[in-house]
Amino acid sequence: MRPHIRAALERSAELTRSNRLVDGMRMGEAAINQATYEEHPEIRQWLTDHADDFTRQED
């Protein structure tokens, strides 16, 4: 996965954790839409591995 796709997914998680779900979803969707077909399996795996990044509470 290209670095800017990963960075956008990480930012999406940050926004979601900060109760900015709509913004987080838009950011994540835009990243996925920019990804190539070959990147999709890696994105799916990243999302599975990092699901708690979207749901854990901020300190």
C-alpha atoms as a PDB file:
ATOM      1  CA  MET A   1       0.000   0.000   0.000  1.00  0.00           C
ATOM      2  CA  ARG A   2       1.313   3.422  -0.879  1.00  0.00           C
ATOM      3  CA  PRO A   3       2.293   5.663   2.034  1.00  0.00           C
ATOM      4  CA  HIS A   4      -0.365   8.313   1.342  1.00  0.00           C
ATOM      5  CA  ILE A   5      -3.108   5.660   1.421  1.00  0.00           C
ATOM      6  CA  ARG A   6      -1.859   4.366   4.793  1.00  0.00           C
ATOM      7  CA  ALA A   7      -1.583   7.923   6.145  1.00  0.00           C
ATOM      8  CA  ALA A   8      -5.163   8.660   5.074  1.00  0.00           C
ATOM      9  CA  LEU A   9      -6.428   5.489   6.765  1.00  0.00           C
ATOM     10  CA  GLU A  10      -4.552   6.395   9.943  1.00  0.00           C
ATOM     11  CA  ARG A  11      -6.050   9.898   9.852  1.00  0.00           C
ATOM     12  CA  SER A  12      -9.467   8.359   9.273  1.00  0.00           C
ATOM     13  CA  ALA A  13      -9.018   6.361  12.469  1.00  0.00           C
ATOM     14  CA  GLU A  14      -7.970   9.497  14.375  1.00  0.00           C
ATOM     15  CA  LEU A  15     -11.037  11.392  13.200  1.00  0.00           C
ATOM     16  CA  THR A  16     -13.331   8.508  14.068  1.00  0.00           C
ATOM     17  CA  ARG A  17     -11.875   8.235  17.582  1.00  0.00           C
ATOM     18  CA  SER A  18     -12.429  11.974  17.998  1.00  0.00           C
ATOM     19  CA  ASN A  19     -16.168  11.543  17.370  1.00  0.00           C
ATOM     20  CA  ARG A  20     -15.851  12.887  13.834  1.00  0.00           C
ATOM     21  CA  LEU A  21     -17.285   9.775  12.197  1.00  0.00           C
ATOM     22  CA  VAL A  22     -18.525  11.441   9.000  1.00  0.00           C
ATOM     23  CA  ASP A  23     -15.151  13.110   8.390  1.00  0.00           C
ATOM     24  CA  GLY A  24     -13.350   9.879   9.192  1.00  0.00           C
ATOM     25  CA  MET A  25     -15.519   7.886   6.823  1.00  0.00           C
ATOM     26  CA  ARG A  26     -15.013  10.424   4.037  1.00  0.00           C
ATOM     27  CA  MET A  27     -11.256  10.317   4.494  1.00  0.00           C
ATOM     28  CA  GLY A  28     -11.180   6.520   4.537  1.00  0.00           C
ATOM     29  CA  GLU A  29     -13.471   6.228   1.540  1.00  0.00           C
ATOM     30  CA  ALA A  30     -11.355   8.674  -0.456  1.00  0.00           C
ATOM     31  CA  ALA A  31      -8.223   6.654   0.337  1.00  0.00           C
ATOM     32  CA  ILE A  32      -9.852   3.393  -0.697  1.00  0.00           C
ATOM     33  CA  ASN A  33     -11.167   4.977  -3.900  1.00  0.00           C
ATOM     34  CA  GLN A  34      -7.632   6.087  -4.802  1.00  0.00           C
ATOM     35  CA  ALA A  35      -6.196   2.633  -4.206  1.00  0.00           C
ATOM     36  CA  THR A  36      -5.461   0.267  -7.025  1.00  0.00           C
ATOM     37  CA  TYR A  37      -7.175  -3.095  -7.272  1.00  0.00           C
ATOM     38  CA  GLU A  38      -3.901  -4.719  -6.182  1.00  0.00           C
ATOM     39  CA  GLU A  39      -3.853  -2.640  -2.983  1.00  0.00           C
ATOM     40  CA  HIS A  40      -7.344  -3.641  -1.857  1.00  0.00           C
ATOM     41  CA  PRO A  41      -6.344  -6.934  -0.160  1.00  0.00           C
ATOM     42  CA  GLU A  42      -3.638  -5.122   1.813  1.00  0.00           C
ATOM     43  CA  ILE A  43      -6.114  -2.402   2.799  1.00  0.00           C
ATOM     44  CA  ARG A  44      -8.624  -5.021   3.955  1.00  0.00           C
ATOM     45  CA  GLN A  45      -5.918  -6.670   6.056  1.00  0.00           C
ATOM     46  CA  TRP A  46      -4.800  -3.328   7.483  1.00  0.00           C
ATOM     47  CA  LEU A  47      -8.388  -2.474   8.438  1.00  0.00           C
ATOM     48  CA  THR A  48      -8.792  -5.880  10.111  1.00  0.00           C
ATOM     49  CA  ASP A  49      -5.497  -5.523  11.978  1.00  0.00           C
ATOM     50  CA  HIS A  50      -6.248  -1.952  13.064  1.00  0.00           C
ATOM     51  CA  ALA A  51      -9.971  -2.093  13.841  1.00  0.00           C
ATOM     52  CA  ASP A  52      -9.307  -1.035  17.438  1.00  0.00           C
ATOM     53  CA  ASP A  53      -7.594   2.126  16.114  1.00  0.00           C
ATOM     54  CA  PHE A  54     -11.070   3.304  15.099  1.00  0.00           C
ATOM     55  CA  THR A  55     -12.829   2.436  18.360  1.00  0.00           C
ATOM     56  CA  ARG A  56     -10.480   2.916  21.315  1.00  0.00           C
ATOM     57  CA  GLN A  57     -11.032   5.890  23.559  1.00  0.00           C
ATOM     58  CA  GLU A  58      -8.756   8.921  23.351  1.00  0.00           C
ATOM     59  CA  ASP A  59      -6.715   9.635  26.471  1.00  0.00           C
END
